Amino acid sequence: TRFIARVRFNKDNKLQLLVDHPNIKQSISANVHKKVTE
């Protein structure tokens, strides 16, 4: 639901997230909420 992840941009510069969990290997496509300004 809520989770910690690392940022990765693919070759098309699309945002993907790598979940910080030893058993979850697949990346998840994502966007950014407007309140996140960094």
All heavy atoms as atom14 arrays in JSON, in Angstrom:
{
  "sequence": "TRFIARVRFNKDNKLQLLVDHPNIKQSISANVHKKVTE",
  "atom14_mask": [
    [1, 1, 1, 1, 1, 1, 1, 0, 0, 0, 0, 0, 0, 0],
    [1, 1, 1, 1, 1, 1, 1, 1, 1, 1, 1, 0, 0, 0],
    [1, 1, 1, 1, 1, 1, 1, 1, 1, 1, 1, 0, 0, 0],
    [1, 1, 1, 1, 1, 1, 1, 1, 0, 0, 0, 0, 0, 0],
    [1, 1, 1, 1, 1, 0, 0, 0, 0, 0, 0, 0, 0, 0],
    [1, 1, 1, 1, 1, 1, 1, 1, 1, 1, 1, 0, 0, 0],
    [1, 1, 1, 1, 1, 1, 1, 0, 0, 0, 0, 0, 0, 0],
    [1, 1, 1, 1, 1, 1, 1, 1, 1, 1, 1, 0, 0, 0],
    [1, 1, 1, 1, 1, 1, 1, 1, 1, 1, 1, 0, 0, 0],
    [1, 1, 1, 1, 1, 1, 1, 1, 0, 0, 0, 0, 0, 0],
    [1, 1, 1, 1, 1, 1, 1, 1, 1, 0, 0, 0, 0, 0],
    [1, 1, 1, 1, 1, 1, 1, 1, 0, 0, 0, 0, 0, 0],
    [1, 1, 1, 1, 1, 1, 1, 1, 0, 0, 0, 0, 0, 0],
    [1, 1, 1, 1, 1, 1, 1, 1, 1, 0, 0, 0, 0, 0],
    [1, 1, 1, 1, 1, 1, 1, 1, 0, 0, 0, 0, 0, 0],
    [1, 1, 1, 1, 1, 1, 1, 1, 1, 0, 0, 0, 0, 0],
    [1, 1, 1, 1, 1, 1, 1, 1, 0, 0, 0, 0, 0, 0],
    [1, 1, 1, 1, 1, 1, 1, 1, 0, 0, 0, 0, 0, 0],
    [1, 1, 1, 1, 1, 1, 1, 0, 0, 0, 0, 0, 0, 0],
    [1, 1, 1, 1, 1, 1, 1, 1, 0, 0, 0, 0, 0, 0],
    [1, 1, 1, 1, 1, 1, 1, 1, 1, 1, 0, 0, 0, 0],
    [1, 1, 1, 1, 1, 1, 1, 0, 0, 0, 0, 0, 0, 0],
    [1, 1, 1, 1, 1, 1, 1, 1, 0, 0, 0, 0, 0, 0],
    [1, 1, 1, 1, 1, 1, 1, 1, 0, 0, 0, 0, 0, 0],
    [1, 1, 1, 1, 1, 1, 1, 1, 1, 0, 0, 0, 0, 0],
    [1, 1, 1, 1, 1, 1, 1, 1, 1, 0, 0, 0, 0, 0],
    [1, 1, 1, 1, 1, 1, 0, 0, 0, 0, 0, 0, 0, 0],
    [1, 1, 1, 1, 1, 1, 1, 1, 0, 0, 0, 0, 0, 0],
    [1, 1, 1, 1, 1, 1, 0, 0, 0, 0, 0, 0, 0, 0],
    [1, 1, 1, 1, 1, 0, 0, 0, 0, 0, 0, 0, 0, 0],
    [1, 1, 1, 1, 1, 1, 1, 1, 0, 0, 0, 0, 0, 0],
    [1, 1, 1, 1, 1, 1, 1, 0, 0, 0, 0, 0, 0, 0],
    [1, 1, 1, 1, 1, 1, 1, 1, 1, 1, 0, 0, 0, 0],
    [1, 1, 1, 1, 1, 1, 1, 1, 1, 0, 0, 0, 0, 0],
    [1, 1, 1, 1, 1, 1, 1, 1, 1, 0, 0, 0, 0, 0],
    [1, 1, 1, 1, 1, 1, 1, 0, 0, 0, 0, 0, 0, 0],
    [1, 1, 1, 1, 1, 1, 1, 0, 0, 0, 0, 0, 0, 0],
    [1, 1, 1, 1, 1, 1, 1, 1, 1, 0, 0, 0, 0, 0]
  ],
  "atom14_positions": [
    [[0.9, -1.16, 0.0], [0.0, 0.0, 0.0], [0.93, 1.21, 0.0], [1.24, 1.76, -1.04], [-0.94, -0.02, 1.21], [-0.17, -0.24, 2.41], [-1.98, -1.12, 1.08], [0.0, 0.0, 0.0], [0.0, 0.0, 0.0], [0.0, 0.0, 0.0], [0.0, 0.0, 0.0], [0.0, 0.0, 0.0], [0.0, 0.0, 0.0], [0.0, 0.0, 0.0]],
    [[1.4, 1.59, 1.16], [2.48, 2.56, 1.28], [3.79, 1.78, 1.34], [3.9, 0.8, 2.07], [2.29, 3.38, 2.55], [3.4, 4.37, 2.85], [3.23, 4.94, 4.25], [4.26, 5.92, 4.56], [5.47, 5.64, 5.04], [5.8, 4.36, 5.27], [6.34, 6.6, 5.3], [0.0, 0.0, 0.0], [0.0, 0.0, 0.0], [0.0, 0.0, 0.0]],
    [[4.81, 2.21, 0.58], [6.06, 1.45, 0.56], [7.26, 2.36, 0.27], [7.11, 3.49, -0.21], [6.0, 0.3, -0.44], [5.81, 0.71, -1.87], [6.9, 0.85, -2.74], [4.52, 0.92, -2.39], [6.72, 1.21, -4.06], [4.33, 1.28, -3.72], [5.43, 1.43, -4.55], [0.0, 0.0, 0.0], [0.0, 0.0, 0.0], [0.0, 0.0, 0.0]],
    [[8.44, 1.83, 0.57], [9.71, 2.52, 0.32], [10.29, 1.99, -0.98], [10.25, 0.78, -1.24], [10.7, 2.29, 1.47], [10.08, 2.69, 2.81], [11.99, 3.06, 1.23], [9.72, 4.14, 2.95], [0.0, 0.0, 0.0], [0.0, 0.0, 0.0], [0.0, 0.0, 0.0], [0.0, 0.0, 0.0], [0.0, 0.0, 0.0], [0.0, 0.0, 0.0]],
    [[10.85, 2.88, -1.79], [11.4, 2.44, -3.08], [12.56, 3.33, -3.5], [12.75, 4.44, -2.97], [10.31, 2.45, -4.15], [0.0, 0.0, 0.0], [0.0, 0.0, 0.0], [0.0, 0.0, 0.0], [0.0, 0.0, 0.0], [0.0, 0.0, 0.0], [0.0, 0.0, 0.0], [0.0, 0.0, 0.0], [0.0, 0.0, 0.0], [0.0, 0.0, 0.0]],
    [[13.3, 2.83, -4.47], [14.35, 3.62, -5.1], [13.89, 4.0, -6.51], [13.17, 3.25, -7.17], [15.67, 2.86, -5.17], [16.21, 2.49, -3.81], [17.66, 2.03, -3.87], [18.55, 3.17, -4.07], [19.88, 3.07, -4.08], [20.46, 1.88, -3.93], [20.64, 4.13, -4.26], [0.0, 0.0, 0.0], [0.0, 0.0, 0.0], [0.0, 0.0, 0.0]],
    [[14.36, 5.15, -6.93], [13.96, 5.69, -8.24], [14.84, 5.11, -9.34], [16.06, 4.97, -9.18], [14.07, 7.23, -8.22], [13.95, 7.8, -9.62], [13.02, 7.82, -7.29], [0.0, 0.0, 0.0], [0.0, 0.0, 0.0], [0.0, 0.0, 0.0], [0.0, 0.0, 0.0], [0.0, 0.0, 0.0], [0.0, 0.0, 0.0], [0.0, 0.0, 0.0]],
    [[14.19, 4.77, -10.47], [14.93, 4.38, -11.68], [14.19, 4.91, -12.9], [12.96, 4.76, -13.0], [15.05, 2.85, -11.79], [15.89, 2.41, -12.99], [16.01, 0.91, -13.07], [14.76, 0.28, -13.51], [14.59, -1.03, -13.64], [15.59, -1.86, -13.33], [13.44, -1.53, -14.04], [0.0, 0.0, 0.0], [0.0, 0.0, 0.0], [0.0, 0.0, 0.0]],
    [[14.9, 5.54, -13.78], [14.33, 5.99, -15.05], [14.76, 5.03, -16.14], [15.96, 4.74, -16.28], [14.78, 7.41, -15.38], [14.17, 8.46, -14.47], [14.84, 8.9, -13.34], [12.91, 8.97, -14.75], [14.28, 9.84, -12.5], [12.33, 9.92, -13.92], [13.02, 10.36, -12.78], [0.0, 0.0, 0.0], [0.0, 0.0, 0.0], [0.0, 0.0, 0.0]],
    [[13.79, 4.52, -16.93], [14.14, 3.58, -17.99], [14.7, 4.33, -19.2], [14.86, 5.56, -19.18], [12.95, 2.7, -18.37], [11.78, 3.5, -18.95], [11.94, 4.65, -19.37], [10.61, 2.89, -18.99], [0.0, 0.0, 0.0], [0.0, 0.0, 0.0], [0.0, 0.0, 0.0], [0.0, 0.0, 0.0], [0.0, 0.0, 0.0], [0.0, 0.0, 0.0]],
    [[14.96, 3.61, -20.28], [15.6, 4.21, -21.46], [14.71, 5.27, -22.12], [15.2, 6.14, -22.84], [15.97, 3.13, -22.46], [14.78, 2.31, -22.98], [15.25, 1.23, -23.93], [14.07, 0.41, -24.44], [14.51, -0.67, -25.37], [0.0, 0.0, 0.0], [0.0, 0.0, 0.0], [0.0, 0.0, 0.0], [0.0, 0.0, 0.0], [0.0, 0.0, 0.0]],
    [[13.39, 5.19, -21.84], [12.47, 6.2, -22.37], [12.22, 7.33, -21.37], [11.31, 8.13, -21.54], [11.13, 5.54, -22.74], [11.28, 4.5, -23.83], [12.09, 4.73, -24.75], [10.61, 3.45, -23.74], [0.0, 0.0, 0.0], [0.0, 0.0, 0.0], [0.0, 0.0, 0.0], [0.0, 0.0, 0.0], [0.0, 0.0, 0.0], [0.0, 0.0, 0.0]],
    [[13.05, 7.33, -20.32], [12.96, 8.35, -19.26], [11.63, 8.29, -18.52], [11.15, 9.3, -18.0], [13.18, 9.76, -19.82], [13.7, 10.71, -18.75], [14.46, 10.3, -17.86], [13.29, 11.96, -18.81], [0.0, 0.0, 0.0], [0.0, 0.0, 0.0], [0.0, 0.0, 0.0], [0.0, 0.0, 0.0], [0.0, 0.0, 0.0], [0.0, 0.0, 0.0]],
    [[11.04, 7.1, -18.46], [9.81, 6.89, -17.71], [10.19, 6.48, -16.27], [11.08, 5.66, -16.06], [8.95, 5.8, -18.34], [8.48, 6.13, -19.76], [7.48, 7.27, -19.75], [6.91, 7.48, -21.15], [5.92, 8.6, -21.18], [0.0, 0.0, 0.0], [0.0, 0.0, 0.0], [0.0, 0.0, 0.0], [0.0, 0.0, 0.0], [0.0, 0.0, 0.0]],
    [[9.47, 7.05, -15.31], [9.76, 6.78, -13.9], [9.31, 5.37, -13.51], [8.18, 4.97, -13.75], [9.06, 7.8, -13.02], [9.14, 7.58, -11.5], [10.59, 7.61, -11.02], [8.3, 8.62, -10.77], [0.0, 0.0, 0.0], [0.0, 0.0, 0.0], [0.0, 0.0, 0.0], [0.0, 0.0, 0.0], [0.0, 0.0, 0.0], [0.0, 0.0, 0.0]],
    [[10.23, 4.64, -12.88], [9.93, 3.34, -12.32], [10.44, 3.29, -10.89], [11.38, 4.0, -10.53], [10.56, 2.22, -13.15], [10.02, 2.12, -14.56], [10.64, 0.96, -15.31], [11.84, 0.73, -15.23], [9.81, 0.23, -16.04], [0.0, 0.0, 0.0], [0.0, 0.0, 0.0], [0.0, 0.0, 0.0], [0.0, 0.0, 0.0], [0.0, 0.0, 0.0]],
    [[9.82, 2.44, -10.1], [10.22, 2.31, -8.7], [10.67, 0.89, -8.42], [10.03, -0.08, -8.83], [9.04, 2.66, -7.78], [8.48, 4.09, -7.91], [7.31, 4.27, -6.95], [9.56, 5.13, -7.66], [0.0, 0.0, 0.0], [0.0, 0.0, 0.0], [0.0, 0.0, 0.0], [0.0, 0.0, 0.0], [0.0, 0.0, 0.0], [0.0, 0.0, 0.0]],
    [[11.79, 0.78, -7.71], [12.31, -0.51, -7.26], [11.97, -0.63, -5.78], [12.52, 0.09, -4.94], [13.82, -0.58, -7.49], [14.28, -0.35, -8.92], [15.81, -0.36, -9.0], [13.7, -1.4, -9.86], [0.0, 0.0, 0.0], [0.0, 0.0, 0.0], [0.0, 0.0, 0.0], [0.0, 0.0, 0.0], [0.0, 0.0, 0.0], [0.0, 0.0, 0.0]],
    [[11.05, -1.52, -5.48], [10.56, -1.67, -4.1], [11.69, -2.16, -3.2], [12.44, -3.08, -3.56], [9.39, -2.66, -4.05], [8.85, -2.77, -2.63], [8.28, -2.22, -5.0], [0.0, 0.0, 0.0], [0.0, 0.0, 0.0], [0.0, 0.0, 0.0], [0.0, 0.0, 0.0], [0.0, 0.0, 0.0], [0.0, 0.0, 0.0], [0.0, 0.0, 0.0]],
    [[11.82, -1.53, -2.03], [12.85, -1.93, -1.07], [12.35, -3.12, -0.26], [11.95, -2.98, 0.9], [13.2, -0.75, -0.16], [14.39, -1.06, 0.74], [15.34, -1.68, 0.26], [14.35, -0.69, 1.93], [0.0, 0.0, 0.0], [0.0, 0.0, 0.0], [0.0, 0.0, 0.0], [0.0, 0.0, 0.0], [0.0, 0.0, 0.0], [0.0, 0.0, 0.0]],
    [[12.37, -4.28, -0.91], [11.94, -5.52, -0.27], [12.72, -6.65, -0.94], [12.76, -6.74, -2.17], [10.43, -5.74, -0.43], [9.9, -6.86, 0.4], [10.14, -8.19, 0.11], [9.14, -6.85, 1.53], [9.56, -8.95, 1.01], [8.94, -8.16, 1.88], [0.0, 0.0, 0.0], [0.0, 0.0, 0.0], [0.0, 0.0, 0.0], [0.0, 0.0, 0.0]],
    [[13.33, -7.53, -0.15], [14.19, -8.57, -0.74], [13.49, -9.54, -1.67], [14.14, -10.15, -2.53], [14.76, -9.3, 0.5], [13.81, -8.99, 1.61], [13.3, -7.62, 1.31], [0.0, 0.0, 0.0], [0.0, 0.0, 0.0], [0.0, 0.0, 0.0], [0.0, 0.0, 0.0], [0.0, 0.0, 0.0], [0.0, 0.0, 0.0], [0.0, 0.0, 0.0]],
    [[12.16, -9.69, -1.55], [11.44, -10.67, -2.37], [10.64, -10.06, -3.51], [9.94, -10.77, -4.23], [10.52, -11.51, -1.5], [11.27, -12.3, -0.44], [11.21, -11.97, 0.73], [12.01, -13.31, -0.86], [0.0, 0.0, 0.0], [0.0, 0.0, 0.0], [0.0, 0.0, 0.0], [0.0, 0.0, 0.0], [0.0, 0.0, 0.0], [0.0, 0.0, 0.0]],
    [[10.7, -8.74, -3.65], [9.97, -8.09, -4.75], [10.98, -7.55, -5.75], [11.7, -6.59, -5.48], [9.07, -6.96, -4.21], [8.05, -7.54, -3.23], [8.37, -6.24, -5.35], [7.14, -6.5, -2.6], [0.0, 0.0, 0.0], [0.0, 0.0, 0.0], [0.0, 0.0, 0.0], [0.0, 0.0, 0.0], [0.0, 0.0, 0.0], [0.0, 0.0, 0.0]],
    [[11.05, -8.2, -6.89], [12.06, -7.87, -7.89], [11.53, -6.98, -9.0], [12.3, -6.24, -9.62], [12.63, -9.16, -8.51], [13.14, -10.19, -7.51], [14.27, -9.66, -6.65], [14.8, -10.74, -5.7], [15.84, -10.2, -4.8], [0.0, 0.0, 0.0], [0.0, 0.0, 0.0], [0.0, 0.0, 0.0], [0.0, 0.0, 0.0], [0.0, 0.0, 0.0]],
    [[10.22, -7.07, -9.3], [9.71, -6.32, -10.44], [9.65, -4.83, -10.15], [9.4, -4.42, -9.02], [8.32, -6.84, -10.88], [7.19, -6.6, -9.89], [6.86, -7.83, -9.08], [7.75, -8.42, -8.48], [5.59, -8.21, -9.06], [0.0, 0.0, 0.0], [0.0, 0.0, 0.0], [0.0, 0.0, 0.0], [0.0, 0.0, 0.0], [0.0, 0.0, 0.0]],
    [[9.91, -4.04, -11.15], [9.79, -2.59, -11.02], [8.35, -2.18, -11.26], [7.58, -2.89, -11.91], [10.72, -1.89, -12.0], [10.39, -2.25, -13.33], [0.0, 0.0, 0.0], [0.0, 0.0, 0.0], [0.0, 0.0, 0.0], [0.0, 0.0, 0.0], [0.0, 0.0, 0.0], [0.0, 0.0, 0.0], [0.0, 0.0, 0.0], [0.0, 0.0, 0.0]],
    [[7.97, -1.02, -10.72], [6.6, -0.53, -10.83], [6.61, 0.85, -11.47], [7.34, 1.74, -11.03], [5.93, -0.44, -9.44], [5.94, -1.81, -8.75], [4.51, 0.08, -9.55], [5.4, -1.78, -7.34], [0.0, 0.0, 0.0], [0.0, 0.0, 0.0], [0.0, 0.0, 0.0], [0.0, 0.0, 0.0], [0.0, 0.0, 0.0], [0.0, 0.0, 0.0]],
    [[5.84, 1.0, -12.53], [5.71, 2.31, -13.16], [5.04, 3.27, -12.18], [4.21, 2.87, -11.36], [4.89, 2.21, -14.44], [5.55, 1.39, -15.38], [0.0, 0.0, 0.0], [0.0, 0.0, 0.0], [0.0, 0.0, 0.0], [0.0, 0.0, 0.0], [0.0, 0.0, 0.0], [0.0, 0.0, 0.0], [0.0, 0.0, 0.0], [0.0, 0.0, 0.0]],
    [[5.4, 4.56, -12.29], [4.87, 5.5, -11.31], [4.85, 6.92, -11.86], [5.48, 7.22, -12.89], [5.72, 5.46, -10.04], [0.0, 0.0, 0.0], [0.0, 0.0, 0.0], [0.0, 0.0, 0.0], [0.0, 0.0, 0.0], [0.0, 0.0, 0.0], [0.0, 0.0, 0.0], [0.0, 0.0, 0.0], [0.0, 0.0, 0.0], [0.0, 0.0, 0.0]],
    [[4.11, 7.78, -11.17], [4.2, 9.22, -11.39], [4.48, 9.88, -10.05], [4.64, 9.2, -9.03], [2.94, 9.77, -12.06], [1.68, 9.58, -11.2], [1.77, 9.31, -10.0], [0.52, 9.72, -11.81], [0.0, 0.0, 0.0], [0.0, 0.0, 0.0], [0.0, 0.0, 0.0], [0.0, 0.0, 0.0], [0.0, 0.0, 0.0], [0.0, 0.0, 0.0]],
    [[4.53, 11.21, -10.03], [4.91, 11.94, -8.82], [3.78, 12.85, -8.41], [3.24, 13.61, -9.23], [6.19, 12.76, -9.05], [6.6, 13.49, -7.77], [7.33, 11.86, -9.53], [0.0, 0.0, 0.0], [0.0, 0.0, 0.0], [0.0, 0.0, 0.0], [0.0, 0.0, 0.0], [0.0, 0.0, 0.0], [0.0, 0.0, 0.0], [0.0, 0.0, 0.0]],
    [[3.41, 12.8, -7.13], [2.38, 13.69, -6.61], [2.89, 15.13, -6.66], [4.09, 15.39, -6.46], [2.04, 13.3, -5.18], [0.79, 13.94, -4.65], [0.75, 15.25, -4.22], [-0.47, 13.45, -4.48], [-0.46, 15.55, -3.81], [-1.23, 14.48, -3.95], [0.0, 0.0, 0.0], [0.0, 0.0, 0.0], [0.0, 0.0, 0.0], [0.0, 0.0, 0.0]],
    [[1.99, 16.06, -6.89], [2.39, 17.46, -7.06], [3.01, 18.06, -5.8], [3.76, 19.04, -5.88], [1.19, 18.28, -7.49], [0.04, 18.3, -6.49], [-1.15, 19.11, -7.02], [-2.3, 19.12, -6.03], [-3.47, 19.89, -6.56], [0.0, 0.0, 0.0], [0.0, 0.0, 0.0], [0.0, 0.0, 0.0], [0.0, 0.0, 0.0], [0.0, 0.0, 0.0]],
    [[2.74, 17.46, -4.63], [3.33, 18.01, -3.4], [4.82, 17.68, -3.27], [5.52, 18.28, -2.45], [2.58, 17.48, -2.18], [2.78, 16.0, -1.89], [2.0, 15.56, -0.67], [2.19, 14.06, -0.4], [1.4, 13.6, 0.78], [0.0, 0.0, 0.0], [0.0, 0.0, 0.0], [0.0, 0.0, 0.0], [0.0, 0.0, 0.0], [0.0, 0.0, 0.0]],
    [[5.31, 16.73, -4.07], [6.74, 16.39, -4.07], [7.44, 17.33, -5.04], [7.25, 17.24, -6.26], [6.97, 14.92, -4.48], [8.47, 14.59, -4.49], [6.23, 13.99, -3.52], [0.0, 0.0, 0.0], [0.0, 0.0, 0.0], [0.0, 0.0, 0.0], [0.0, 0.0, 0.0], [0.0, 0.0, 0.0], [0.0, 0.0, 0.0], [0.0, 0.0, 0.0]],
    [[8.25, 18.22, -4.51], [8.85, 19.28, -5.35], [10.3, 18.99, -5.74], [10.83, 19.67, -6.62], [8.81, 20.62, -4.6], [9.5, 20.49, -3.34], [7.36, 21.03, -4.33], [0.0, 0.0, 0.0], [0.0, 0.0, 0.0], [0.0, 0.0, 0.0], [0.0, 0.0, 0.0], [0.0, 0.0, 0.0], [0.0, 0.0, 0.0], [0.0, 0.0, 0.0]],
    [[10.94, 18.0, -5.1], [12.33, 17.68, -5.44], [12.42, 17.05, -6.83], [11.53, 16.32, -7.26], [12.94, 16.73, -4.41], [13.21, 17.34, -3.06], [11.98, 17.39, -2.18], [10.9, 16.96, -2.67], [12.07, 17.84, -1.03], [0.0, 0.0, 0.0], [0.0, 0.0, 0.0], [0.0, 0.0, 0.0], [0.0, 0.0, 0.0], [0.0, 0.0, 0.0]]
  ]
}
